[in-house]
Amino acid sequence: MKILELQLPEQTALKLQEAAERLTISPEQLLILSIEEKLAQLEDEFRRSAEYVLHKNADLYRRLS
């Protein structure tokens, strides 16, 4: 496990604490879940973009091969 130190604006830290309390998890757990969700979203967006480009240019790729 890697330890990261993060400075948050007071208002953001308060919102994080309140959200974590509502979900009955620690602020650290909420941050981990949020980061993992965002990373998965970025991977999905990249995959969809790559598939779009491959599909859009499929004919061109066939002619070039």
PDB file of N, CA and C in Angstrom:
ATOM      1  N   MET A   1       0.866  -1.167   0.000  1.00  0.00           N
ATOM      2  CA  MET A   1       0.000   0.000   0.000  1.00  0.00           C
ATOM      3  C   MET A   1       0.906   1.222   0.000  1.00  0.00           C
ATOM      4  N   LYS A   2       0.548   2.212  -0.774  1.00  0.00           N
ATOM      5  CA  LYS A   2       1.294   3.465  -0.854  1.00  0.00           C
ATOM      6  C   LYS A   2       0.557   4.525  -0.045  1.00  0.00           C
ATOM      7  N   ILE A   3       1.298   5.333   0.670  1.00  0.00           N
ATOM      8  CA  ILE A   3       0.715   6.407   1.466  1.00  0.00           C
ATOM      9  C   ILE A   3       0.897   7.716   0.718  1.00  0.00           C
ATOM     10  N   LEU A   4      -0.198   8.424   0.533  1.00  0.00           N
ATOM     11  CA  LEU A   4      -0.187   9.737  -0.101  1.00  0.00           C
ATOM     12  C   LEU A   4      -0.724  10.758   0.886  1.00  0.00           C
ATOM     13  N   GLU A   5      -0.105  11.906   0.908  1.00  0.00           N
ATOM     14  CA  GLU A   5      -0.608  12.984   1.752  1.00  0.00           C
ATOM     15  C   GLU A   5      -1.286  13.987   0.841  1.00  0.00           C
ATOM     16  N   LEU A   6      -2.434  14.462   1.264  1.00  0.00           N
ATOM     17  CA  LEU A   6      -3.251  15.323   0.421  1.00  0.00           C
ATOM     18  C   LEU A   6      -3.738  16.514   1.225  1.00  0.00           C
ATOM     19  N   GLN A   7      -3.559  17.695   0.676  1.00  0.00           N
ATOM     20  CA  GLN A   7      -4.091  18.894   1.325  1.00  0.00           C
ATOM     21  C   GLN A   7      -5.371  19.298   0.601  1.00  0.00           C
ATOM     22  N   LEU A   8      -6.428  19.450   1.378  1.00  0.00           N
ATOM     23  CA  LEU A   8      -7.724  19.827   0.832  1.00  0.00           C
ATOM     24  C   LEU A   8      -8.134  21.177   1.404  1.00  0.00           C
ATOM     25  N   PRO A   9      -8.839  21.957   0.596  1.00  0.00           N
ATOM     26  CA  PRO A   9      -9.426  23.166   1.171  1.00  0.00           C
ATOM     27  C   PRO A   9     -10.391  22.769   2.295  1.00  0.00           C
ATOM     28  N   GLU A  10     -10.514  23.619   3.275  1.00  0.00           N
ATOM     29  CA  GLU A  10     -11.341  23.307   4.449  1.00  0.00           C
ATOM     30  C   GLU A  10     -12.759  22.897   4.051  1.00  0.00           C
ATOM     31  N   GLN A  11     -13.354  23.615   3.116  1.00  0.00           N
ATOM     32  CA  GLN A  11     -14.725  23.324   2.687  1.00  0.00           C
ATOM     33  C   GLN A  11     -14.816  21.942   2.032  1.00  0.00           C
ATOM     34  N   THR A  12     -13.829  21.592   1.226  1.00  0.00           N
ATOM     35  CA  THR A  12     -13.812  20.274   0.575  1.00  0.00           C
ATOM     36  C   THR A  12     -13.649  19.176   1.611  1.00  0.00           C
ATOM     37  N   ALA A  13     -12.771  19.382   2.583  1.00  0.00           N
ATOM     38  CA  ALA A  13     -12.560  18.392   3.635  1.00  0.00           C
ATOM     39  C   ALA A  13     -13.841  18.184   4.440  1.00  0.00           C
ATOM     40  N   LEU A  14     -14.557  19.255   4.694  1.00  0.00           N
ATOM     41  CA  LEU A  14     -15.819  19.156   5.434  1.00  0.00           C
ATOM     42  C   LEU A  14     -16.856  18.374   4.629  1.00  0.00           C
ATOM     43  N   LYS A  15     -16.959  18.662   3.347  1.00  0.00           N
ATOM     44  CA  LYS A  15     -17.903  17.927   2.490  1.00  0.00           C
ATOM     45  C   LYS A  15     -17.539  16.444   2.427  1.00  0.00           C
ATOM     46  N   LEU A  16     -16.243  16.164   2.345  1.00  0.00           N
ATOM     47  CA  LEU A  16     -15.788  14.781   2.320  1.00  0.00           C
ATOM     48  C   LEU A  16     -16.183  14.066   3.615  1.00  0.00           C
ATOM     49  N   GLN A  17     -15.941  14.698   4.723  1.00  0.00           N
ATOM     50  CA  GLN A  17     -16.280  14.120   6.024  1.00  0.00           C
ATOM     51  C   GLN A  17     -17.779  13.861   6.136  1.00  0.00           C
ATOM     52  N   GLU A  18     -18.583  14.829   5.720  1.00  0.00           N
ATOM     53  CA  GLU A  18     -20.047  14.678   5.796  1.00  0.00           C
ATOM     54  C   GLU A  18     -20.539  13.554   4.893  1.00  0.00           C
ATOM     55  N   ALA A  19     -19.997  13.488   3.681  1.00  0.00           N
ATOM     56  CA  ALA A  19     -20.414  12.427   2.761  1.00  0.00           C
ATOM     57  C   ALA A  19     -20.022  11.057   3.302  1.00  0.00           C
ATOM     58  N   ALA A  20     -18.840  10.960   3.844  1.00  0.00           N
ATOM     59  CA  ALA A  20     -18.389   9.686   4.412  1.00  0.00           C
ATOM     60  C   ALA A  20     -19.276   9.269   5.579  1.00  0.00           C
ATOM     61  N   GLU A  21     -19.647  10.216   6.416  1.00  0.00           N
ATOM     62  CA  GLU A  21     -20.530   9.904   7.541  1.00  0.00           C
ATOM     63  C   GLU A  21     -21.883   9.409   7.058  1.00  0.00           C
ATOM     64  N   ARG A  22     -22.426  10.050   6.018  1.00  0.00           N
ATOM     65  CA  ARG A  22     -23.714   9.604   5.465  1.00  0.00           C
ATOM     66  C   ARG A  22     -23.630   8.173   4.940  1.00  0.00           C
ATOM     67  N   LEU A  23     -22.467   7.814   4.396  1.00  0.00           N
ATOM     68  CA  LEU A  23     -22.286   6.474   3.837  1.00  0.00           C
ATOM     69  C   LEU A  23     -21.757   5.483   4.870  1.00  0.00           C
ATOM     70  N   THR A  24     -21.539   5.949   6.057  1.00  0.00           N
ATOM     71  CA  THR A  24     -20.984   5.163   7.175  1.00  0.00           C
ATOM     72  C   THR A  24     -19.668   4.475   6.798  1.00  0.00           C
ATOM     73  N   ILE A  25     -18.802   5.241   6.152  1.00  0.00           N
ATOM     74  CA  ILE A  25     -17.453   4.775   5.849  1.00  0.00           C
ATOM     75  C   ILE A  25     -16.488   5.897   6.230  1.00  0.00           C
ATOM     76  N   SER A  26     -15.220   5.589   6.249  1.00  0.00           N
ATOM     77  CA  SER A  26     -14.234   6.606   6.591  1.00  0.00           C
ATOM     78  C   SER A  26     -13.985   7.514   5.384  1.00  0.00           C
ATOM     79  N   PRO A  27     -13.522   8.713   5.637  1.00  0.00           N
ATOM     80  CA  PRO A  27     -13.172   9.597   4.513  1.00  0.00           C
ATOM     81  C   PRO A  27     -12.124   8.957   3.591  1.00  0.00           C
ATOM     82  N   GLU A  28     -11.193   8.219   4.177  1.00  0.00           N
ATOM     83  CA  GLU A  28     -10.174   7.543   3.364  1.00  0.00           C
ATOM     84  C   GLU A  28     -10.804   6.505   2.442  1.00  0.00           C
ATOM     85  N   GLN A  29     -11.773   5.755   2.963  1.00  0.00           N
ATOM     86  CA  GLN A  29     -12.458   4.757   2.136  1.00  0.00           C
ATOM     87  C   GLN A  29     -13.226   5.439   1.002  1.00  0.00           C
ATOM     88  N   LEU A  30     -13.866   6.557   1.305  1.00  0.00           N
ATOM     89  CA  LEU A  30     -14.608   7.283   0.288  1.00  0.00           C
ATOM     90  C   LEU A  30     -13.668   7.803  -0.797  1.00  0.00           C
ATOM     91  N   LEU A  31     -12.518   8.304  -0.411  1.00  0.00           N
ATOM     92  CA  LEU A  31     -11.540   8.767  -1.398  1.00  0.00           C
ATOM     93  C   LEU A  31     -11.054   7.627  -2.281  1.00  0.00           C
ATOM     94  N   ILE A  32     -10.752   6.489  -1.664  1.00  0.00           N
ATOM     95  CA  ILE A  32     -10.289   5.329  -2.440  1.00  0.00           C
ATOM     96  C   ILE A  32     -11.354   4.900  -3.436  1.00  0.00           C
ATOM     97  N   LEU A  33     -12.597   4.782  -2.986  1.00  0.00           N
ATOM     98  CA  LEU A  33     -13.688   4.390  -3.877  1.00  0.00           C
ATOM     99  C   LEU A  33     -13.869   5.393  -5.011  1.00  0.00           C
ATOM    100  N   SER A  34     -13.778   6.660  -4.687  1.00  0.00           N
ATOM    101  CA  SER A  34     -13.953   7.708  -5.697  1.00  0.00           C
ATOM    102  C   SER A  34     -12.841   7.675  -6.736  1.00  0.00           C
ATOM    103  N   ILE A  35     -11.623   7.486  -6.288  1.00  0.00           N
ATOM    104  CA  ILE A  35     -10.486   7.412  -7.212  1.00  0.00           C
ATOM    105  C   ILE A  35     -10.604   6.184  -8.105  1.00  0.00           C
ATOM    106  N   GLU A  36     -10.940   5.049  -7.518  1.00  0.00           N
ATOM    107  CA  GLU A  36     -11.093   3.824  -8.310  1.00  0.00           C
ATOM    108  C   GLU A  36     -12.200   3.978  -9.352  1.00  0.00           C
ATOM    109  N   GLU A  37     -13.304   4.602  -8.957  1.00  0.00           N
ATOM    110  CA  GLU A  37     -14.415   4.821  -9.888  1.00  0.00           C
ATOM    111  C   GLU A  37     -13.985   5.724 -11.042  1.00  0.00           C
ATOM    112  N   LYS A  38     -13.269   6.793 -10.739  1.00  0.00           N
ATOM    113  CA  LYS A  38     -12.817   7.722 -11.775  1.00  0.00           C
ATOM    114  C   LYS A  38     -11.827   7.048 -12.724  1.00  0.00           C
ATOM    115  N   LEU A  39     -10.907   6.254 -12.183  1.00  0.00           N
ATOM    116  CA  LEU A  39      -9.948   5.550 -13.027  1.00  0.00           C
ATOM    117  C   LEU A  39     -10.654   4.558 -13.956  1.00  0.00           C
ATOM    118  N   ALA A  40     -11.640   3.849 -13.447  1.00  0.00           N
ATOM    119  CA  ALA A  40     -12.406   2.918 -14.275  1.00  0.00           C
ATOM    120  C   ALA A  40     -13.156   3.670 -15.366  1.00  0.00           C
ATOM    121  N   GLN A  41     -13.704   4.835 -15.023  1.00  0.00           N
ATOM    122  CA  GLN A  41     -14.411   5.652 -16.007  1.00  0.00           C
ATOM    123  C   GLN A  41     -13.453   6.102 -17.108  1.00  0.00           C
ATOM    124  N   LEU A  42     -12.263   6.508 -16.748  1.00  0.00           N
ATOM    125  CA  LEU A  42     -11.275   6.937 -17.744  1.00  0.00           C
ATOM    126  C   LEU A  42     -10.883   5.782 -18.659  1.00  0.00           C
ATOM    127  N   GLU A  43     -10.721   4.583 -18.089  1.00  0.00           N
ATOM    128  CA  GLU A  43     -10.398   3.410 -18.894  1.00  0.00           C
ATOM    129  C   GLU A  43     -11.527   3.103 -19.871  1.00  0.00           C
ATOM    130  N   ASP A  44     -12.777   3.195 -19.411  1.00  0.00           N
ATOM    131  CA  ASP A  44     -13.927   2.955 -20.281  1.00  0.00           C
ATOM    132  C   ASP A  44     -13.990   3.978 -21.399  1.00  0.00           C
ATOM    133  N   GLU A  45     -13.749   5.245 -21.086  1.00  0.00           N
ATOM    134  CA  GLU A  45     -13.765   6.289 -22.104  1.00  0.00           C
ATOM    135  C   GLU A  45     -12.688   6.048 -23.146  1.00  0.00           C
ATOM    136  N   PHE A  46     -11.497   5.663 -22.716  1.00  0.00           N
ATOM    137  CA  PHE A  46     -10.418   5.382 -23.661  1.00  0.00           C
ATOM    138  C   PHE A  46     -10.781   4.198 -24.553  1.00  0.00           C
ATOM    139  N   ARG A  47     -11.321   3.129 -23.934  1.00  0.00           N
ATOM    140  CA  ARG A  47     -11.708   1.943 -24.705  1.00  0.00           C
ATOM    141  C   ARG A  47     -12.768   2.286 -25.746  1.00  0.00           C
ATOM    142  N   ARG A  48     -13.777   3.071 -25.345  1.00  0.00           N
ATOM    143  CA  ARG A  48     -14.830   3.465 -26.285  1.00  0.00           C
ATOM    144  C   ARG A  48     -14.264   4.325 -27.408  1.00  0.00           C
ATOM    145  N   SER A  49     -13.357   5.219 -27.080  1.00  0.00           N
ATOM    146  CA  SER A  49     -12.742   6.072 -28.106  1.00  0.00           C
ATOM    147  C   SER A  49     -11.932   5.238 -29.087  1.00  0.00           C
ATOM    148  N   ALA A  50     -11.162   4.294 -28.565  1.00  0.00           N
ATOM    149  CA  ALA A  50     -10.354   3.441 -29.430  1.00  0.00           C
ATOM    150  C   ALA A  50     -11.243   2.590 -30.333  1.00  0.00           C
ATOM    151  N   GLU A  51     -12.306   2.030 -29.770  1.00  0.00           N
ATOM    152  CA  GLU A  51     -13.236   1.238 -30.580  1.00  0.00           C
ATOM    153  C   GLU A  51     -13.885   2.085 -31.662  1.00  0.00           C
ATOM    154  N   TYR A  52     -14.243   3.320 -31.344  1.00  0.00           N
ATOM    155  CA  TYR A  52     -14.853   4.224 -32.322  1.00  0.00           C
ATOM    156  C   TYR A  52     -13.892   4.485 -33.477  1.00  0.00           C
ATOM    157  N   VAL A  53     -12.642   4.783 -33.142  1.00  0.00           N
ATOM    158  CA  VAL A  53     -11.654   5.067 -34.186  1.00  0.00           C
ATOM    159  C   VAL A  53     -11.415   3.830 -35.044  1.00  0.00           C
ATOM    160  N   LEU A  54     -11.279   2.674 -34.407  1.00  0.00           N
ATOM    161  CA  LEU A  54     -11.069   1.445 -35.171  1.00  0.00           C
ATOM    162  C   LEU A  54     -12.252   1.149 -36.088  1.00  0.00           C
ATOM    163  N   HIS A  55     -13.455   1.318 -35.579  1.00  0.00           N
ATOM    164  CA  HIS A  55     -14.656   1.064 -36.383  1.00  0.00           C
ATOM    165  C   HIS A  55     -14.775   2.080 -37.523  1.00  0.00           C
ATOM    166  N   LYS A  56     -14.555   3.347 -37.197  1.00  0.00           N
ATOM    167  CA  LYS A  56     -14.688   4.416 -38.187  1.00  0.00           C
ATOM    168  C   LYS A  56     -13.685   4.247 -39.321  1.00  0.00           C
ATOM    169  N   ASN A  57     -12.496   3.772 -39.011  1.00  0.00           N
ATOM    170  CA  ASN A  57     -11.439   3.656 -40.013  1.00  0.00           C
ATOM    171  C   ASN A  57     -11.198   2.223 -40.483  1.00  0.00           C
ATOM    172  N   ALA A  58     -12.120   1.318 -40.210  1.00  0.00           N
ATOM    173  CA  ALA A  58     -11.940  -0.095 -40.543  1.00  0.00           C
ATOM    174  C   ALA A  58     -11.666  -0.285 -42.034  1.00  0.00           C
ATOM    175  N   ASP A  59     -12.409   0.399 -42.884  1.00  0.00           N
ATOM    176  CA  ASP A  59     -12.209   0.251 -44.330  1.00  0.00           C
ATOM    177  C   ASP A  59     -10.809   0.727 -44.726  1.00  0.00           C
ATOM    178  N   LEU A  60     -10.389   1.838 -44.195  1.00  0.00           N
ATOM    179  CA  LEU A  60      -9.058   2.358 -44.484  1.00  0.00           C
ATOM    180  C   LEU A  60      -7.978   1.358 -44.048  1.00  0.00           C
ATOM    181  N   TYR A  61      -8.140   0.803 -42.855  1.00  0.00           N
ATOM    182  CA  TYR A  61      -7.162  -0.173 -42.374  1.00  0.00           C
ATOM    183  C   TYR A  61      -7.112  -1.413 -43.267  1.00  0.00           C
ATOM    184  N   ARG A  62      -8.280  -1.848 -43.775  1.00  0.00           N
ATOM    185  CA  ARG A  62      -8.310  -3.008 -44.680  1.00  0.00           C
ATOM    186  C   ARG A  62      -7.537  -2.692 -45.967  1.00  0.00           C
ATOM    187  N   ARG A  63      -7.744  -1.484 -46.503  1.00  0.00           N
ATOM    188  CA  ARG A  63      -7.049  -1.113 -47.752  1.00  0.00           C
ATOM    189  C   ARG A  63      -5.550  -0.970 -47.546  1.00  0.00           C
ATOM    190  N   LEU A  64      -5.140  -0.557 -46.366  1.00  0.00           N
ATOM    191  CA  LEU A  64      -3.712  -0.370 -46.099  1.00  0.00           C
ATOM    192  C   LEU A  64      -2.993  -1.670 -45.791  1.00  0.00           C
ATOM    193  N   SER A  65      -3.725  -2.709 -45.441  1.00  0.00           N
ATOM    194  CA  SER A  65      -3.056  -3.978 -45.078  1.00  0.00           C
ATOM    195  C   SER A  65      -2.766  -4.844 -46.282  1.00  0.00           C
TER     196      SER A  65
END
